[in-house]
Amino acid sequence: MKTKTTLLLTGTLFFALAGLAPVHAAVDADAAQKLAKKNDCFKCHAIDKTKKGPSYKKISAKFKEKKLGEKDAIKQMTMGYKVKLEDGTEEEHKIIETKDPKELSNLAQWILSH
């Protein structure tokens, strides 16, 4: 009986603590901003204001509304799709110059965190 109680308490504690662990590693904002700057992302985007392209806050809201996630953001940054700009014109989105999946994931998470 004592063994069952110990196992039950241990299992309960394990699940309780597992809920506290982050699903993803924390976003490295400095690294994301450095990659964005290196790729001239801030030429068209800003965090909270519209430039040639939408703000990162607007992008994040759109992705949440459409239930899109990190994989979709990475696809957008790496495939060169045509995008509609704020003035109504269209152009091919610049492709991020990195093949490192961790860098792409971090940048996508940073953008979507706004």
C-alpha atoms as a PDB file:
ATOM      1  CA  MET A   1       0.000   0.000   0.000  1.00  0.00           C
ATOM      2  CA  LYS A   2       2.851   2.350   0.855  1.00  0.00           C
ATOM      3  CA  THR A   3       4.468   1.628  -2.528  1.00  0.00           C
ATOM      4  CA  LYS A   4       1.245   2.483  -4.387  1.00  0.00           C
ATOM      5  CA  THR A   5       0.949   5.781  -2.523  1.00  0.00           C
ATOM      6  CA  THR A   6       4.591   6.652  -3.250  1.00  0.00           C
ATOM      7  CA  LEU A   7       4.176   5.823  -6.946  1.00  0.00           C
ATOM      8  CA  LEU A   8       0.967   7.827  -7.137  1.00  0.00           C
ATOM      9  CA  LEU A   9       2.570  10.870  -5.508  1.00  0.00           C
ATOM     10  CA  THR A  10       5.680  10.576  -7.681  1.00  0.00           C
ATOM     11  CA  GLY A  11       3.579  10.312 -10.846  1.00  0.00           C
ATOM     12  CA  THR A  12       1.420  13.264  -9.843  1.00  0.00           C
ATOM     13  CA  LEU A  13       4.483  15.380  -9.086  1.00  0.00           C
ATOM     14  CA  PHE A  14       6.060  14.407 -12.412  1.00  0.00           C
ATOM     15  CA  PHE A  15       3.006  15.511 -14.405  1.00  0.00           C
ATOM     16  CA  ALA A  16       2.639  18.705 -12.393  1.00  0.00           C
ATOM     17  CA  LEU A  17       6.257  19.687 -13.039  1.00  0.00           C
ATOM     18  CA  ALA A  18       6.082  18.655 -16.693  1.00  0.00           C
ATOM     19  CA  GLY A  19       3.356  21.260 -17.169  1.00  0.00           C
ATOM     20  CA  LEU A  20       5.797  23.948 -16.071  1.00  0.00           C
ATOM     21  CA  ALA A  21       8.424  23.119 -18.684  1.00  0.00           C
ATOM     22  CA  PRO A  22       8.336  25.300 -21.808  1.00  0.00           C
ATOM     23  CA  VAL A  23       7.273  23.584 -25.018  1.00  0.00           C
ATOM     24  CA  HIS A  24       9.877  25.500 -27.040  1.00  0.00           C
ATOM     25  CA  ALA A  25      13.123  27.056 -25.997  1.00  0.00           C
ATOM     26  CA  ALA A  26      12.907  30.748 -25.254  1.00  0.00           C
ATOM     27  CA  VAL A  27      13.185  33.026 -28.254  1.00  0.00           C
ATOM     28  CA  ASP A  28      16.580  34.676 -28.610  1.00  0.00           C
ATOM     29  CA  ALA A  29      15.352  38.143 -29.591  1.00  0.00           C
ATOM     30  CA  ASP A  30      18.866  39.502 -30.156  1.00  0.00           C
ATOM     31  CA  ALA A  31      19.752  36.698 -32.576  1.00  0.00           C
ATOM     32  CA  ALA A  32      16.423  37.064 -34.396  1.00  0.00           C
ATOM     33  CA  GLN A  33      16.860  40.807 -34.799  1.00  0.00           C
ATOM     34  CA  LYS A  34      20.445  40.323 -35.967  1.00  0.00           C
ATOM     35  CA  LEU A  35      19.303  37.843 -38.650  1.00  0.00           C
ATOM     36  CA  ALA A  36      16.453  40.151 -39.677  1.00  0.00           C
ATOM     37  CA  LYS A  37      18.848  43.093 -39.948  1.00  0.00           C
ATOM     38  CA  LYS A  38      21.373  41.012 -41.937  1.00  0.00           C
ATOM     39  CA  ASN A  39      18.591  40.138 -44.408  1.00  0.00           C
ATOM     40  CA  ASP A  40      17.231  43.719 -44.671  1.00  0.00           C
ATOM     41  CA  CYS A  41      13.869  42.712 -43.166  1.00  0.00           C
ATOM     42  CA  PHE A  42      13.612  46.081 -41.407  1.00  0.00           C
ATOM     43  CA  LYS A  43      13.676  47.794 -44.802  1.00  0.00           C
ATOM     44  CA  CYS A  44      10.054  46.710 -45.282  1.00  0.00           C
ATOM     45  CA  HIS A  45       8.926  45.735 -41.759  1.00  0.00           C
ATOM     46  CA  ALA A  46       8.938  47.292 -38.303  1.00  0.00           C
ATOM     47  CA  ILE A  47       7.708  45.838 -35.050  1.00  0.00           C
ATOM     48  CA  ASP A  48       4.697  48.068 -34.549  1.00  0.00           C
ATOM     49  CA  LYS A  49       4.333  50.336 -37.566  1.00  0.00           C
ATOM     50  CA  THR A  50       3.563  49.802 -41.217  1.00  0.00           C
ATOM     51  CA  LYS A  51       6.327  50.459 -43.704  1.00  0.00           C
ATOM     52  CA  LYS A  52       6.463  49.013 -47.223  1.00  0.00           C
ATOM     53  CA  GLY A  53       5.234  45.751 -45.653  1.00  0.00           C
ATOM     54  CA  PRO A  54       3.057  45.093 -42.596  1.00  0.00           C
ATOM     55  CA  SER A  55       4.362  45.408 -39.048  1.00  0.00           C
ATOM     56  CA  TYR A  56       5.383  42.275 -37.187  1.00  0.00           C
ATOM     57  CA  LYS A  57       2.425  42.861 -34.853  1.00  0.00           C
ATOM     58  CA  LYS A  58       0.083  42.816 -37.856  1.00  0.00           C
ATOM     59  CA  ILE A  59       1.768  39.703 -39.271  1.00  0.00           C
ATOM     60  CA  SER A  60       1.500  37.935 -35.916  1.00  0.00           C
ATOM     61  CA  ALA A  61      -2.190  38.837 -35.594  1.00  0.00           C
ATOM     62  CA  LYS A  62      -2.900  37.590 -39.135  1.00  0.00           C
ATOM     63  CA  PHE A  63      -1.130  34.288 -38.478  1.00  0.00           C
ATOM     64  CA  LYS A  64      -3.071  33.808 -35.227  1.00  0.00           C
ATOM     65  CA  GLU A  65      -6.368  34.643 -36.943  1.00  0.00           C
ATOM     66  CA  LYS A  66      -5.709  32.130 -39.721  1.00  0.00           C
ATOM     67  CA  LYS A  67      -4.346  29.556 -37.232  1.00  0.00           C
ATOM     68  CA  LEU A  68      -0.966  29.509 -38.971  1.00  0.00           C
ATOM     69  CA  GLY A  69       2.232  28.799 -37.103  1.00  0.00           C
ATOM     70  CA  GLU A  70       5.988  28.682 -37.164  1.00  0.00           C
ATOM     71  CA  LYS A  71       6.226  26.291 -40.131  1.00  0.00           C
ATOM     72  CA  ASP A  72       4.023  28.603 -42.194  1.00  0.00           C
ATOM     73  CA  ALA A  73       6.137  31.626 -41.267  1.00  0.00           C
ATOM     74  CA  ILE A  74       9.344  29.797 -42.209  1.00  0.00           C
ATOM     75  CA  LYS A  75       7.799  28.764 -45.532  1.00  0.00           C
ATOM     76  CA  GLN A  76       6.889  32.405 -46.202  1.00  0.00           C
ATOM     77  CA  MET A  77      10.458  33.528 -45.446  1.00  0.00           C
ATOM     78  CA  THR A  78      12.191  30.826 -47.492  1.00  0.00           C
ATOM     79  CA  MET A  79      10.071  30.276 -50.605  1.00  0.00           C
ATOM     80  CA  GLY A  80      10.001  33.747 -52.205  1.00  0.00           C
ATOM     81  CA  TYR A  81       6.220  33.837 -52.617  1.00  0.00           C
ATOM     82  CA  LYS A  82       4.556  36.906 -54.065  1.00  0.00           C
ATOM     83  CA  VAL A  83       3.279  39.173 -51.317  1.00  0.00           C
ATOM     84  CA  LYS A  84       0.838  42.035 -51.453  1.00  0.00           C
ATOM     85  CA  LEU A  85       2.338  45.217 -50.083  1.00  0.00           C
ATOM     86  CA  GLU A  86       0.537  47.890 -48.109  1.00  0.00           C
ATOM     87  CA  ASP A  87       0.201  50.092 -51.212  1.00  0.00           C
ATOM     88  CA  GLY A  88      -1.541  47.267 -53.097  1.00  0.00           C
ATOM     89  CA  THR A  89       1.403  46.314 -55.311  1.00  0.00           C
ATOM     90  CA  GLU A  90       2.888  42.829 -55.338  1.00  0.00           C
ATOM     91  CA  GLU A  91       6.450  41.583 -55.321  1.00  0.00           C
ATOM     92  CA  GLU A  92       8.361  38.437 -54.478  1.00  0.00           C
ATOM     93  CA  HIS A  93       9.262  38.244 -50.794  1.00  0.00           C
ATOM     94  CA  LYS A  94      13.018  38.219 -50.205  1.00  0.00           C
ATOM     95  CA  ILE A  95      14.343  34.797 -49.220  1.00  0.00           C
ATOM     96  CA  ILE A  96      16.109  34.681 -45.856  1.00  0.00           C
ATOM     97  CA  GLU A  97      19.776  33.871 -46.370  1.00  0.00           C
ATOM     98  CA  THR A  98      20.277  31.043 -43.885  1.00  0.00           C
ATOM     99  CA  LYS A  99      19.766  27.314 -44.079  1.00  0.00           C
ATOM    100  CA  ASP A 100      20.077  26.827 -40.304  1.00  0.00           C
ATOM    101  CA  PRO A 101      16.711  25.468 -39.104  1.00  0.00           C
ATOM    102  CA  LYS A 102      17.347  26.786 -35.578  1.00  0.00           C
ATOM    103  CA  GLU A 103      17.913  30.322 -36.860  1.00  0.00           C
ATOM    104  CA  LEU A 104      14.789  30.152 -39.042  1.00  0.00           C
ATOM    105  CA  SER A 105      12.732  28.767 -36.167  1.00  0.00           C
ATOM    106  CA  ASN A 106      13.979  31.451 -33.792  1.00  0.00           C
ATOM    107  CA  LEU A 107      13.215  34.243 -36.281  1.00  0.00           C
ATOM    108  CA  ALA A 108       9.741  32.867 -36.991  1.00  0.00           C
ATOM    109  CA  GLN A 109       8.969  32.528 -33.272  1.00  0.00           C
ATOM    110  CA  TRP A 110      10.235  36.058 -32.654  1.00  0.00           C
ATOM    111  CA  ILE A 111       8.046  37.521 -35.395  1.00  0.00           C
ATOM    112  CA  LEU A 112       4.994  35.572 -34.229  1.00  0.00           C
ATOM    113  CA  SER A 113       5.564  36.630 -30.605  1.00  0.00           C
ATOM    114  CA  HIS A 114       4.496  40.202 -31.309  1.00  0.00           C
END
